[in-house]
Amino acid sequence: MKAVILNKDFRLENGFVEKPQPKNNEILIQIKASGFNPIDYQMLENELERKLISSPILGRELSGIVVEKGADVTQFNIGDEVFCGSGSMGSNGTYAEYISVPEVIVALKPKNISFEQAASIPSVGLTSLQIFKRLNLKPEQTIFISGAAGGVGSFLIKILLAHQIDNFIATVGSDENKQMLINMGVKDHQIVNYKEENLVENILKANHHQPFDIGIDLVGNYMAEVTAEILKINGTYVDVTALVTKKAHELLFNKGTVIMNISNYAYSMIKKYDYYKNSLEEIAALIERGSMIPSQYKVMGNLSLETVLQAHSILKNNQTQGHKLIMKNL
């Protein structure tokens, strides 16, 4: 099968590999579309992320059609349209024509969306839903969200609004991204441009000059420091990036902050695979009911090295403009 492969020199290249065969508990999926994530390029540059590489083929979320199934598979049939976040739990990554994965991490694709839309969901959807569920939010709690126009941020806001939770302030970096949030149902006064001067003051002003109960940091680095600054004593800092600076960590410690680390990888470590299926099915139900819609997406091209490199560059330079980047695999 055709694939984009990581070679011995740790560079990506076009290539061909043998089509995987499903094990007894696996289904073979013909990949119709796959999504790009920052971890894809970070695996090539960051030693911590590099340790997570389990295949020379990268990529970790997909939608497609079941074309074969193992002897013990009971939940899917040939021809089923499905989507999943494969992570390190597949025969290979998603920069390929086929992948074999355990049926316990797969969900049926919502009937009312395209393969491209479905491929945009798993990573941001799983992360956003985990944030929402672990916070166990109360109506009176105030929430700050950095990087709200990104994939996780915009999806999280859709989940919050679908559950009638709107007591949050969010940051964006452009008028275009501000308008995107407004189109989703966020009010103008809930949005702060992080590029303007006196950012901490502006964020607190938007919250009636009060510090926040919860800070959801989807950016890290400088924004980790901003988030730490605007939190209450004994507040909660939600870390999705693992990019907390030393200065931010000291402030969070001094404030007695609860730090909540968000990791979808954790559930594969303890083989709690139903987490992936159950979460995707919950999101699919929201979409099919019309309670929320998938993220905006942009098709970068068909399965090829050129498509992958272009997508990685856009992600690395933070030029997605609120769109999930998608590749058509077939």
C-alpha atoms as a PDB file:
ATOM      1  CA  MET A   1       0.000   0.000   0.000  1.00  0.00           C
ATOM      2  CA  LYS A   2       1.038   3.594  -0.518  1.00  0.00           C
ATOM      3  CA  ALA A   3       2.299   5.474   2.546  1.00  0.00           C
ATOM      4  CA  VAL A   4       4.418   8.396   3.725  1.00  0.00           C
ATOM      5  CA  ILE A   5       7.260   6.798   5.660  1.00  0.00           C
ATOM      6  CA  LEU A   6       9.862   7.928   8.182  1.00  0.00           C
ATOM      7  CA  ASN A   7      13.194   6.638   6.834  1.00  0.00           C
ATOM      8  CA  LYS A   8      16.400   5.649   8.659  1.00  0.00           C
ATOM      9  CA  ASP A   9      17.674   9.237   8.444  1.00  0.00           C
ATOM     10  CA  PHE A  10      14.544  10.368  10.291  1.00  0.00           C
ATOM     11  CA  ARG A  11      13.140  12.078   7.229  1.00  0.00           C
ATOM     12  CA  LEU A  12       9.740  11.575   5.661  1.00  0.00           C
ATOM     13  CA  GLU A  13       9.474  10.135   2.162  1.00  0.00           C
ATOM     14  CA  ASN A  14       6.922   8.593  -0.202  1.00  0.00           C
ATOM     15  CA  GLY A  15       6.942   4.812  -0.081  1.00  0.00           C
ATOM     16  CA  PHE A  16       5.116   1.511  -0.268  1.00  0.00           C
ATOM     17  CA  VAL A  17       4.620  -1.076   2.470  1.00  0.00           C
ATOM     18  CA  GLU A  18       2.689  -4.317   2.776  1.00  0.00           C
ATOM     19  CA  LYS A  19      -0.997  -3.921   3.545  1.00  0.00           C
ATOM     20  CA  PRO A  20      -1.617  -4.957   7.168  1.00  0.00           C
ATOM     21  CA  GLN A  21      -3.647  -8.020   8.065  1.00  0.00           C
ATOM     22  CA  PRO A  22      -6.172  -7.672  10.900  1.00  0.00           C
ATOM     23  CA  LYS A  23      -5.628  -9.731  14.052  1.00  0.00           C
ATOM     24  CA  ASN A  24      -8.555 -11.590  15.630  1.00  0.00           C
ATOM     25  CA  ASN A  25      -9.784  -8.512  17.520  1.00  0.00           C
ATOM     26  CA  GLU A  26      -9.009  -5.965  14.796  1.00  0.00           C
ATOM     27  CA  ILE A  27     -10.691  -4.409  11.783  1.00  0.00           C
ATOM     28  CA  LEU A  28      -8.890  -3.359   8.612  1.00  0.00           C
ATOM     29  CA  ILE A  29      -9.934   0.146   7.588  1.00  0.00           C
ATOM     30  CA  GLN A  30      -9.505   1.637   4.147  1.00  0.00           C
ATOM     31  CA  ILE A  31      -8.637   5.185   5.164  1.00  0.00           C
ATOM     32  CA  LYS A  32     -10.683   7.823   3.373  1.00  0.00           C
ATOM     33  CA  ALA A  33      -9.350  10.851   5.252  1.00  0.00           C
ATOM     34  CA  SER A  34      -6.891  11.585   8.045  1.00  0.00           C
ATOM     35  CA  GLY A  35      -6.218  14.560  10.290  1.00  0.00           C
ATOM     36  CA  PHE A  36      -2.985  16.364  11.130  1.00  0.00           C
ATOM     37  CA  ASN A  37      -1.950  17.252  14.683  1.00  0.00           C
ATOM     38  CA  PRO A  38       0.972  19.181  16.203  1.00  0.00           C
ATOM     39  CA  ILE A  39       2.321  15.957  17.716  1.00  0.00           C
ATOM     40  CA  ASP A  40       2.937  14.721  14.154  1.00  0.00           C
ATOM     41  CA  TYR A  41       5.737  17.210  13.540  1.00  0.00           C
ATOM     42  CA  GLN A  42       6.741  17.341  17.202  1.00  0.00           C
ATOM     43  CA  MET A  43       7.640  13.649  16.988  1.00  0.00           C
ATOM     44  CA  LEU A  44      10.301  14.648  14.458  1.00  0.00           C
ATOM     45  CA  GLU A  45      11.756  17.381  16.664  1.00  0.00           C
ATOM     46  CA  ASN A  46      11.015  16.720  20.319  1.00  0.00           C
ATOM     47  CA  GLU A  47      12.726  13.935  22.232  1.00  0.00           C
ATOM     48  CA  LEU A  48       9.746  13.463  24.561  1.00  0.00           C
ATOM     49  CA  GLU A  49       7.294  13.056  21.688  1.00  0.00           C
ATOM     50  CA  ARG A  50       9.769  10.964  19.690  1.00  0.00           C
ATOM     51  CA  LYS A  51       9.545   8.261  22.354  1.00  0.00           C
ATOM     52  CA  LEU A  52       5.912   7.745  21.352  1.00  0.00           C
ATOM     53  CA  ILE A  53       6.773   6.652  17.799  1.00  0.00           C
ATOM     54  CA  SER A  54       5.733   3.024  17.326  1.00  0.00           C
ATOM     55  CA  SER A  55       5.652   2.897  13.519  1.00  0.00           C
ATOM     56  CA  PRO A  56       7.624   4.509  10.667  1.00  0.00           C
ATOM     57  CA  ILE A  57       4.247   5.793   9.454  1.00  0.00           C
ATOM     58  CA  LEU A  58       2.981   8.778  11.469  1.00  0.00           C
ATOM     59  CA  GLY A  59      -0.554  10.125  11.873  1.00  0.00           C
ATOM     60  CA  ARG A  60      -3.138   9.326  14.551  1.00  0.00           C
ATOM     61  CA  GLU A  61      -6.729   9.994  13.486  1.00  0.00           C
ATOM     62  CA  LEU A  62      -8.819   8.823  10.585  1.00  0.00           C
ATOM     63  CA  SER A  63     -12.124   8.019   9.006  1.00  0.00           C
ATOM     64  CA  GLY A  64     -12.763   5.234   6.538  1.00  0.00           C
ATOM     65  CA  ILE A  65     -14.545   2.026   5.611  1.00  0.00           C
ATOM     66  CA  VAL A  66     -14.206  -1.429   7.182  1.00  0.00           C
ATOM     67  CA  VAL A  67     -12.894  -3.789   4.477  1.00  0.00           C
ATOM     68  CA  GLU A  68     -11.820  -6.820   6.546  1.00  0.00           C
ATOM     69  CA  LYS A  69     -12.305  -8.014  10.109  1.00  0.00           C
ATOM     70  CA  GLY A  70     -10.724 -10.507  12.476  1.00  0.00           C
ATOM     71  CA  ALA A  71     -12.391 -13.706  13.638  1.00  0.00           C
ATOM     72  CA  ASP A  72     -13.388 -12.289  17.050  1.00  0.00           C
ATOM     73  CA  VAL A  73     -14.807  -8.964  15.841  1.00  0.00           C
ATOM     74  CA  THR A  74     -18.491  -8.591  16.742  1.00  0.00           C
ATOM     75  CA  GLN A  75     -19.266  -4.863  16.634  1.00  0.00           C
ATOM     76  CA  PHE A  76     -18.563  -4.023  12.984  1.00  0.00           C
ATOM     77  CA  ASN A  77     -19.391  -5.345   9.542  1.00  0.00           C
ATOM     78  CA  ILE A  78     -17.685  -5.009   6.184  1.00  0.00           C
ATOM     79  CA  GLY A  79     -18.728  -1.704   4.642  1.00  0.00           C
ATOM     80  CA  ASP A  80     -19.304   0.137   7.923  1.00  0.00           C
ATOM     81  CA  GLU A  81     -18.209   3.786   7.852  1.00  0.00           C
ATOM     82  CA  VAL A  82     -16.090   4.467  10.944  1.00  0.00           C
ATOM     83  CA  PHE A  83     -13.729   6.943  12.597  1.00  0.00           C
ATOM     84  CA  CYS A  84     -11.153   6.687  15.365  1.00  0.00           C
ATOM     85  CA  GLY A  85      -8.024   8.051  16.960  1.00  0.00           C
ATOM     86  CA  SER A  86      -5.436   5.339  16.417  1.00  0.00           C
ATOM     87  CA  GLY A  87      -2.491   6.801  18.340  1.00  0.00           C
ATOM     88  CA  SER A  88       0.017   3.973  18.832  1.00  0.00           C
ATOM     89  CA  MET A  89      -2.703   1.311  18.803  1.00  0.00           C
ATOM     90  CA  GLY A  90      -2.771   0.510  15.085  1.00  0.00           C
ATOM     91  CA  SER A  91      -0.659  -1.586  12.736  1.00  0.00           C
ATOM     92  CA  ASN A  92       0.698   1.715  11.386  1.00  0.00           C
ATOM     93  CA  GLY A  93      -0.088   5.416  11.366  1.00  0.00           C
ATOM     94  CA  THR A  94      -2.687   7.156   9.226  1.00  0.00           C
ATOM     95  CA  TYR A  95      -0.405   8.517   6.495  1.00  0.00           C
ATOM     96  CA  ALA A  96      -1.302   5.384   4.543  1.00  0.00           C
ATOM     97  CA  GLU A  97      -4.076   3.747   2.528  1.00  0.00           C
ATOM     98  CA  TYR A  98      -4.991   1.161   5.178  1.00  0.00           C
ATOM     99  CA  ILE A  99      -4.689   0.597   8.916  1.00  0.00           C
ATOM    100  CA  SER A 100      -5.618  -2.299  11.188  1.00  0.00           C
ATOM    101  CA  VAL A 101      -6.858  -1.324  14.663  1.00  0.00           C
ATOM    102  CA  PRO A 102      -8.613  -3.000  17.622  1.00  0.00           C
ATOM    103  CA  GLU A 103     -12.377  -2.726  17.257  1.00  0.00           C
ATOM    104  CA  VAL A 104     -12.595  -1.432  20.847  1.00  0.00           C
ATOM    105  CA  ILE A 105     -11.186   1.988  19.883  1.00  0.00           C
ATOM    106  CA  VAL A 106     -13.432   2.528  16.840  1.00  0.00           C
ATOM    107  CA  ALA A 107     -16.860   4.171  16.519  1.00  0.00           C
ATOM    108  CA  LEU A 108     -19.361   4.428  13.685  1.00  0.00           C
ATOM    109  CA  LYS A 109     -19.052   7.684  11.770  1.00  0.00           C
ATOM    110  CA  PRO A 110     -21.952  10.083  12.354  1.00  0.00           C
ATOM    111  CA  LYS A 111     -24.303   9.617   9.409  1.00  0.00           C
ATOM    112  CA  ASN A 112     -24.818  13.328   8.813  1.00  0.00           C
ATOM    113  CA  ILE A 113     -21.177  14.330   8.207  1.00  0.00           C
ATOM    114  CA  SER A 114     -18.505  13.617   5.579  1.00  0.00           C
ATOM    115  CA  PHE A 115     -15.379  11.493   5.935  1.00  0.00           C
ATOM    116  CA  GLU A 116     -13.333  14.705   5.988  1.00  0.00           C
ATOM    117  CA  GLN A 117     -15.390  16.119   8.843  1.00  0.00           C
ATOM    118  CA  ALA A 118     -15.190  12.830  10.745  1.00  0.00           C
ATOM    119  CA  ALA A 119     -11.399  12.711  10.409  1.00  0.00           C
ATOM    120  CA  SER A 120     -11.205  16.152  12.010  1.00  0.00           C
ATOM    121  CA  ILE A 121     -12.819  14.951  15.244  1.00  0.00           C
ATOM    122  CA  PRO A 122     -10.905  12.216  17.144  1.00  0.00           C
ATOM    123  CA  SER A 123      -7.882  14.020  18.608  1.00  0.00           C
ATOM    124  CA  VAL A 124      -9.548  17.335  19.406  1.00  0.00           C
ATOM    125  CA  GLY A 125     -12.788  15.616  20.373  1.00  0.00           C
ATOM    126  CA  LEU A 126     -11.223  13.156  22.811  1.00  0.00           C
ATOM    127  CA  THR A 127      -9.100  15.899  24.382  1.00  0.00           C
ATOM    128  CA  SER A 128     -11.989  18.360  24.688  1.00  0.00           C
ATOM    129  CA  LEU A 129     -14.401  15.815  26.126  1.00  0.00           C
ATOM    130  CA  GLN A 130     -11.813  14.666  28.664  1.00  0.00           C
ATOM    131  CA  ILE A 131     -11.299  18.279  29.810  1.00  0.00           C
ATOM    132  CA  PHE A 132     -15.049  18.783  30.139  1.00  0.00           C
ATOM    133  CA  LYS A 133     -15.704  15.553  32.048  1.00  0.00           C
ATOM    134  CA  ARG A 134     -12.755  15.741  34.422  1.00  0.00           C
ATOM    135  CA  LEU A 135     -13.541  19.333  35.422  1.00  0.00           C
ATOM    136  CA  ASN A 136     -17.090  18.371  36.440  1.00  0.00           C
ATOM    137  CA  LEU A 137     -18.041  22.019  36.036  1.00  0.00           C
ATOM    138  CA  LYS A 138     -20.462  23.904  38.258  1.00  0.00           C
ATOM    139  CA  PRO A 139     -22.585  26.773  36.860  1.00  0.00           C
ATOM    140  CA  GLU A 140     -21.020  29.407  39.109  1.00  0.00           C
ATOM    141  CA  GLN A 141     -17.406  28.595  38.175  1.00  0.00           C
ATOM    142  CA  THR A 142     -15.562  31.064  35.950  1.00  0.00           C
ATOM    143  CA  ILE A 143     -13.417  29.626  33.149  1.00  0.00           C
ATOM    144  CA  PHE A 144     -10.543  31.055  31.114  1.00  0.00           C
ATOM    145  CA  ILE A 145      -9.572  29.396  27.814  1.00  0.00           C
ATOM    146  CA  SER A 146      -6.359  30.307  25.975  1.00  0.00           C
ATOM    147  CA  GLY A 147      -5.993  29.466  22.277  1.00  0.00           C
ATOM    148  CA  ALA A 148      -9.749  29.188  21.873  1.00  0.00           C
ATOM    149  CA  ALA A 149      -9.691  29.333  18.061  1.00  0.00           C
ATOM    150  CA  GLY A 150      -7.479  26.253  17.752  1.00  0.00           C
ATOM    151  CA  GLY A 151      -8.745  22.736  17.175  1.00  0.00           C
ATOM    152  CA  VAL A 152      -9.167  21.753  20.828  1.00  0.00           C
ATOM    153  CA  GLY A 153     -10.313  25.216  21.902  1.00  0.00           C
ATOM    154  CA  SER A 154     -13.086  25.559  19.349  1.00  0.00           C
ATOM    155  CA  PHE A 155     -14.274  21.986  19.913  1.00  0.00           C
ATOM    156  CA  LEU A 156     -14.253  22.458  23.686  1.00  0.00           C
ATOM    157  CA  ILE A 157     -16.359  25.599  23.350  1.00  0.00           C
ATOM    158  CA  LYS A 158     -18.871  23.661  21.249  1.00  0.00           C
ATOM    159  CA  ILE A 159     -19.110  21.030  23.991  1.00  0.00           C
ATOM    160  CA  LEU A 160     -19.548  23.723  26.662  1.00  0.00           C
ATOM    161  CA  LEU A 161     -22.285  25.492  24.715  1.00  0.00           C
ATOM    162  CA  ALA A 162     -23.997  22.176  23.931  1.00  0.00           C
ATOM    163  CA  HIS A 163     -24.246  21.670  27.702  1.00  0.00           C
ATOM    164  CA  GLN A 164     -25.453  25.274  28.331  1.00  0.00           C
ATOM    165  CA  ILE A 165     -22.187  26.353  29.954  1.00  0.00           C
ATOM    166  CA  ASP A 166     -21.183  29.864  28.874  1.00  0.00           C
ATOM    167  CA  ASN A 167     -19.421  31.373  31.891  1.00  0.00           C
ATOM    168  CA  PHE A 168     -16.050  31.607  30.135  1.00  0.00           C
ATOM    169  CA  ILE A 169     -13.614  34.112  28.660  1.00  0.00           C
ATOM    170  CA  ALA A 170     -11.509  33.088  25.659  1.00  0.00           C
ATOM    171  CA  THR A 171      -8.501  34.486  23.806  1.00  0.00           C
ATOM    172  CA  VAL A 172      -7.962  34.715  20.042  1.00  0.00           C
ATOM    173  CA  GLY A 173      -5.331  36.424  17.903  1.00  0.00           C
ATOM    174  CA  SER A 174      -7.299  37.889  15.002  1.00  0.00           C
ATOM    175  CA  ASP A 175     -10.630  39.438  14.036  1.00  0.00           C
ATOM    176  CA  GLU A 176     -11.254  36.436  11.782  1.00  0.00           C
ATOM    177  CA  ASN A 177     -10.919  34.014  14.683  1.00  0.00           C
ATOM    178  CA  LYS A 178     -13.048  36.269  16.875  1.00  0.00           C
ATOM    179  CA  GLN A 179     -15.795  36.154  14.275  1.00  0.00           C
ATOM    180  CA  MET A 180     -15.483  32.368  14.125  1.00  0.00           C
ATOM    181  CA  LEU A 181     -16.242  32.137  17.866  1.00  0.00           C
ATOM    182  CA  ILE A 182     -19.110  34.608  17.550  1.00  0.00           C
ATOM    183  CA  ASN A 183     -20.582  32.457  14.766  1.00  0.00           C
ATOM    184  CA  MET A 184     -20.436  29.519  17.194  1.00  0.00           C
ATOM    185  CA  GLY A 185     -22.501  31.430  19.755  1.00  0.00           C
ATOM    186  CA  VAL A 186     -19.812  33.114  21.887  1.00  0.00           C
ATOM    187  CA  LYS A 187     -20.609  36.717  22.846  1.00  0.00           C
ATOM    188  CA  ASP A 188     -18.334  39.599  21.890  1.00  0.00           C
ATOM    189  CA  HIS A 189     -17.592  40.505  25.520  1.00  0.00           C
ATOM    190  CA  GLN A 190     -16.317  36.964  26.176  1.00  0.00           C
ATOM    191  CA  ILE A 191     -13.466  37.276  23.681  1.00  0.00           C
ATOM    192  CA  VAL A 192     -10.083  38.948  24.290  1.00  0.00           C
ATOM    193  CA  ASN A 193      -7.356  39.487  21.676  1.00  0.00           C
ATOM    194  CA  TYR A 194      -4.102  38.203  23.164  1.00  0.00           C
ATOM    195  CA  LYS A 195      -2.063  40.472  20.873  1.00  0.00           C
ATOM    196  CA  GLU A 196      -3.342  43.646  22.501  1.00  0.00           C
ATOM    197  CA  GLU A 197      -1.443  45.403  25.301  1.00  0.00           C
ATOM    198  CA  ASN A 198      -2.221  44.796  28.988  1.00  0.00           C
ATOM    199  CA  LEU A 199      -3.388  41.255  28.308  1.00  0.00           C
ATOM    200  CA  VAL A 200      -3.749  40.168  31.956  1.00  0.00           C
ATOM    201  CA  GLU A 201      -5.674  43.336  32.769  1.00  0.00           C
ATOM    202  CA  ASN A 202      -7.958  42.876  29.748  1.00  0.00           C
ATOM    203  CA  ILE A 203      -8.712  39.249  30.642  1.00  0.00           C
ATOM    204  CA  LEU A 204      -9.569  40.127  34.253  1.00  0.00           C
ATOM    205  CA  LYS A 205     -11.661  43.096  33.109  1.00  0.00           C
ATOM    206  CA  ALA A 206     -13.708  40.738  30.916  1.00  0.00           C
ATOM    207  CA  ASN A 207     -14.368  38.681  34.075  1.00  0.00           C
ATOM    208  CA  HIS A 208     -15.635  41.693  36.068  1.00  0.00           C
ATOM    209  CA  HIS A 209     -12.106  42.320  37.416  1.00  0.00           C
ATOM    210  CA  GLN A 210     -12.115  38.985  39.231  1.00  0.00           C
ATOM    211  CA  PRO A 211      -9.620  36.080  39.017  1.00  0.00           C
ATOM    212  CA  PHE A 212     -10.825  32.788  37.534  1.00  0.00           C
ATOM    213  CA  ASP A 213     -11.687  29.471  39.141  1.00  0.00           C
ATOM    214  CA  ILE A 214     -10.335  27.496  36.190  1.00  0.00           C
ATOM    215  CA  GLY A 215      -7.703  28.201  33.546  1.00  0.00           C
ATOM    216  CA  ILE A 216      -7.618  25.909  30.491  1.00  0.00           C
ATOM    217  CA  ASP A 217      -4.265  26.500  28.792  1.00  0.00           C
ATOM    218  CA  LEU A 218      -4.129  25.244  25.219  1.00  0.00           C
ATOM    219  CA  VAL A 219      -1.025  27.249  24.251  1.00  0.00           C
ATOM    220  CA  GLY A 220       1.658  26.996  26.942  1.00  0.00           C
ATOM    221  CA  ASN A 221       4.857  29.030  27.272  1.00  0.00           C
ATOM    222  CA  TYR A 222       3.977  32.731  27.773  1.00  0.00           C
ATOM    223  CA  MET A 223       0.246  31.940  27.934  1.00  0.00           C
ATOM    224  CA  ALA A 224       0.970  29.515  30.777  1.00  0.00           C
ATOM    225  CA  GLU A 225       2.287  32.510  32.732  1.00  0.00           C
ATOM    226  CA  VAL A 226      -0.753  34.609  31.826  1.00  0.00           C
ATOM    227  CA  THR A 227      -3.088  31.795  32.867  1.00  0.00           C
ATOM    228  CA  ALA A 228      -1.249  31.360  36.175  1.00  0.00           C
ATOM    229  CA  GLU A 229      -1.525  35.106  36.784  1.00  0.00           C
ATOM    230  CA  ILE A 230      -5.293  35.306  36.332  1.00  0.00           C
ATOM    231  CA  LEU A 231      -6.190  32.262  38.450  1.00  0.00           C
ATOM    232  CA  LYS A 232      -7.628  32.403  41.958  1.00  0.00           C
ATOM    233  CA  ILE A 233      -5.776  31.025  44.971  1.00  0.00           C
ATOM    234  CA  ASN A 234      -6.450  27.249  44.985  1.00  0.00           C
ATOM    235  CA  GLY A 235      -7.790  27.453  41.455  1.00  0.00           C
ATOM    236  CA  THR A 236      -7.406  24.775  38.780  1.00  0.00           C
ATOM    237  CA  TYR A 237      -4.905  24.909  35.905  1.00  0.00           C
ATOM    238  CA  VAL A 238      -5.669  22.535  33.034  1.00  0.00           C
ATOM    239  CA  ASP A 239      -2.472  21.644  31.153  1.00  0.00           C
ATOM    240  CA  VAL A 240      -2.924  20.257  27.652  1.00  0.00           C
ATOM    241  CA  THR A 241       0.482  21.146  26.196  1.00  0.00           C
ATOM    242  CA  ALA A 242       3.152  20.205  28.790  1.00  0.00           C
ATOM    243  CA  LEU A 243       4.699  23.602  27.953  1.00  0.00           C
ATOM    244  CA  VAL A 244       4.480  25.225  31.393  1.00  0.00           C
ATOM    245  CA  THR A 245       7.395  27.606  31.966  1.00  0.00           C
ATOM    246  CA  LYS A 246       9.429  27.667  35.164  1.00  0.00           C
ATOM    247  CA  LYS A 247       7.958  31.072  36.033  1.00  0.00           C
ATOM    248  CA  ALA A 248       4.401  29.807  35.543  1.00  0.00           C
ATOM    249  CA  HIS A 249       5.061  26.655  37.553  1.00  0.00           C
ATOM    250  CA  GLU A 250       6.414  28.673  40.496  1.00  0.00           C
ATOM    251  CA  LEU A 251       3.377  30.953  40.479  1.00  0.00           C
ATOM    252  CA  LEU A 252       0.989  28.010  40.241  1.00  0.00           C
ATOM    253  CA  PHE A 253       2.745  26.327  43.168  1.00  0.00           C
ATOM    254  CA  ASN A 254       2.679  29.494  45.286  1.00  0.00           C
ATOM    255  CA  LYS A 255      -1.061  29.884  44.619  1.00  0.00           C
ATOM    256  CA  GLY A 256      -1.734  26.304  45.704  1.00  0.00           C
ATOM    257  CA  THR A 257      -3.154  25.547  42.281  1.00  0.00           C
ATOM    258  CA  VAL A 258      -4.498  22.133  41.344  1.00  0.00           C
ATOM    259  CA  ILE A 259      -2.782  21.107  38.087  1.00  0.00           C
ATOM    260  CA  MET A 260      -4.836  18.821  35.872  1.00  0.00           C
ATOM    261  CA  ASN A 261      -2.798  17.139  33.123  1.00  0.00           C
ATOM    262  CA  ILE A 262      -4.808  16.061  30.082  1.00  0.00           C
ATOM    263  CA  SER A 263      -3.551  12.962  28.244  1.00  0.00           C
ATOM    264  CA  ASN A 264      -5.398  10.643  25.902  1.00  0.00           C
ATOM    265  CA  TYR A 265      -2.264   8.490  25.810  1.00  0.00           C
ATOM    266  CA  ALA A 266      -2.794   7.611  29.488  1.00  0.00           C
ATOM    267  CA  TYR A 267      -5.724   5.317  28.746  1.00  0.00           C
ATOM    268  CA  SER A 268      -3.720   3.187  26.312  1.00  0.00           C
ATOM    269  CA  MET A 269      -1.031   2.782  29.003  1.00  0.00           C
ATOM    270  CA  ILE A 270      -3.535   0.942  31.199  1.00  0.00           C
ATOM    271  CA  LYS A 271      -5.336  -0.666  28.246  1.00  0.00           C
ATOM    272  CA  LYS A 272      -8.595   1.133  29.033  1.00  0.00           C
ATOM    273  CA  TYR A 273      -9.568   1.109  25.381  1.00  0.00           C
ATOM    274  CA  ASP A 274     -13.300   1.605  25.949  1.00  0.00           C
ATOM    275  CA  TYR A 275     -12.445   5.212  26.826  1.00  0.00           C
ATOM    276  CA  TYR A 276     -11.785   5.893  23.132  1.00  0.00           C
ATOM    277  CA  LYS A 277     -14.883   4.201  21.743  1.00  0.00           C
ATOM    278  CA  ASN A 278     -17.238   5.561  24.419  1.00  0.00           C
ATOM    279  CA  SER A 279     -15.963   9.118  24.015  1.00  0.00           C
ATOM    280  CA  LEU A 280     -16.265   9.045  20.234  1.00  0.00           C
ATOM    281  CA  GLU A 281     -19.767   7.578  20.456  1.00  0.00           C
ATOM    282  CA  GLU A 282     -20.782  10.348  22.853  1.00  0.00           C
ATOM    283  CA  ILE A 283     -19.471  12.998  20.454  1.00  0.00           C
ATOM    284  CA  ALA A 284     -21.123  11.269  17.490  1.00  0.00           C
ATOM    285  CA  ALA A 285     -24.468  11.341  19.324  1.00  0.00           C
ATOM    286  CA  LEU A 286     -24.156  15.097  19.922  1.00  0.00           C
ATOM    287  CA  ILE A 287     -23.407  15.641  16.236  1.00  0.00           C
ATOM    288  CA  GLU A 288     -26.223  13.416  14.979  1.00  0.00           C
ATOM    289  CA  ARG A 289     -28.699  15.197  17.283  1.00  0.00           C
ATOM    290  CA  GLY A 290     -27.553  18.533  15.909  1.00  0.00           C
ATOM    291  CA  SER A 291     -26.351  19.727  19.334  1.00  0.00           C
ATOM    292  CA  MET A 292     -22.945  20.511  17.853  1.00  0.00           C
ATOM    293  CA  ILE A 293     -21.129  20.518  14.532  1.00  0.00           C
ATOM    294  CA  PRO A 294     -17.558  19.362  13.716  1.00  0.00           C
ATOM    295  CA  SER A 295     -14.694  21.809  13.411  1.00  0.00           C
ATOM    296  CA  GLN A 296     -14.048  23.795  10.274  1.00  0.00           C
ATOM    297  CA  TYR A 297     -11.545  21.911   8.133  1.00  0.00           C
ATOM    298  CA  LYS A 298      -9.261  22.448   5.188  1.00  0.00           C
ATOM    299  CA  VAL A 299      -8.229  19.670   2.800  1.00  0.00           C
ATOM    300  CA  MET A 300      -4.491  19.957   2.194  1.00  0.00           C
ATOM    301  CA  GLY A 301      -4.385  17.430  -0.642  1.00  0.00           C
ATOM    302  CA  ASN A 302      -4.162  13.724  -1.316  1.00  0.00           C
ATOM    303  CA  LEU A 303      -1.889  11.181   0.387  1.00  0.00           C
ATOM    304  CA  SER A 304       1.668  12.299  -0.449  1.00  0.00           C
ATOM    305  CA  LEU A 305       4.878  13.616   1.078  1.00  0.00           C
ATOM    306  CA  GLU A 306       4.107  17.077  -0.318  1.00  0.00           C
ATOM    307  CA  THR A 307       0.740  17.191   1.471  1.00  0.00           C
ATOM    308  CA  VAL A 308       2.242  16.035   4.773  1.00  0.00           C
ATOM    309  CA  LEU A 309       5.121  18.529   4.713  1.00  0.00           C
ATOM    310  CA  GLN A 310       2.815  21.414   3.832  1.00  0.00           C
ATOM    311  CA  ALA A 311       0.449  20.530   6.681  1.00  0.00           C
ATOM    312  CA  HIS A 312       3.314  20.189   9.166  1.00  0.00           C
ATOM    313  CA  SER A 313       4.632  23.611   8.164  1.00  0.00           C
ATOM    314  CA  ILE A 314       1.233  25.275   8.643  1.00  0.00           C
ATOM    315  CA  LEU A 315       0.821  23.652  12.061  1.00  0.00           C
ATOM    316  CA  LYS A 316       4.319  24.559  13.168  1.00  0.00           C
ATOM    317  CA  ASN A 317       3.854  28.202  12.179  1.00  0.00           C
ATOM    318  CA  ASN A 318       0.388  28.424  13.740  1.00  0.00           C
ATOM    319  CA  GLN A 319      -1.270  29.312  10.431  1.00  0.00           C
ATOM    320  CA  THR A 320      -4.331  27.053  10.572  1.00  0.00           C
ATOM    321  CA  GLN A 321      -6.693  30.036  11.032  1.00  0.00           C
ATOM    322  CA  GLY A 322      -9.012  27.893  13.111  1.00  0.00           C
ATOM    323  CA  HIS A 323      -9.224  25.086  10.556  1.00  0.00           C
ATOM    324  CA  LYS A 324      -8.464  21.421  11.124  1.00  0.00           C
ATOM    325  CA  LEU A 325      -6.033  20.223   8.433  1.00  0.00           C
ATOM    326  CA  ILE A 326      -7.150  17.105   6.565  1.00  0.00           C
ATOM    327  CA  MET A 327      -5.595  14.761   4.001  1.00  0.00           C
ATOM    328  CA  LYS A 328      -7.596  12.628   1.582  1.00  0.00           C
ATOM    329  CA  ASN A 329      -6.022   9.188   1.653  1.00  0.00           C
ATOM    330  CA  LEU A 330      -7.957   7.677  -1.257  1.00  0.00           C
END
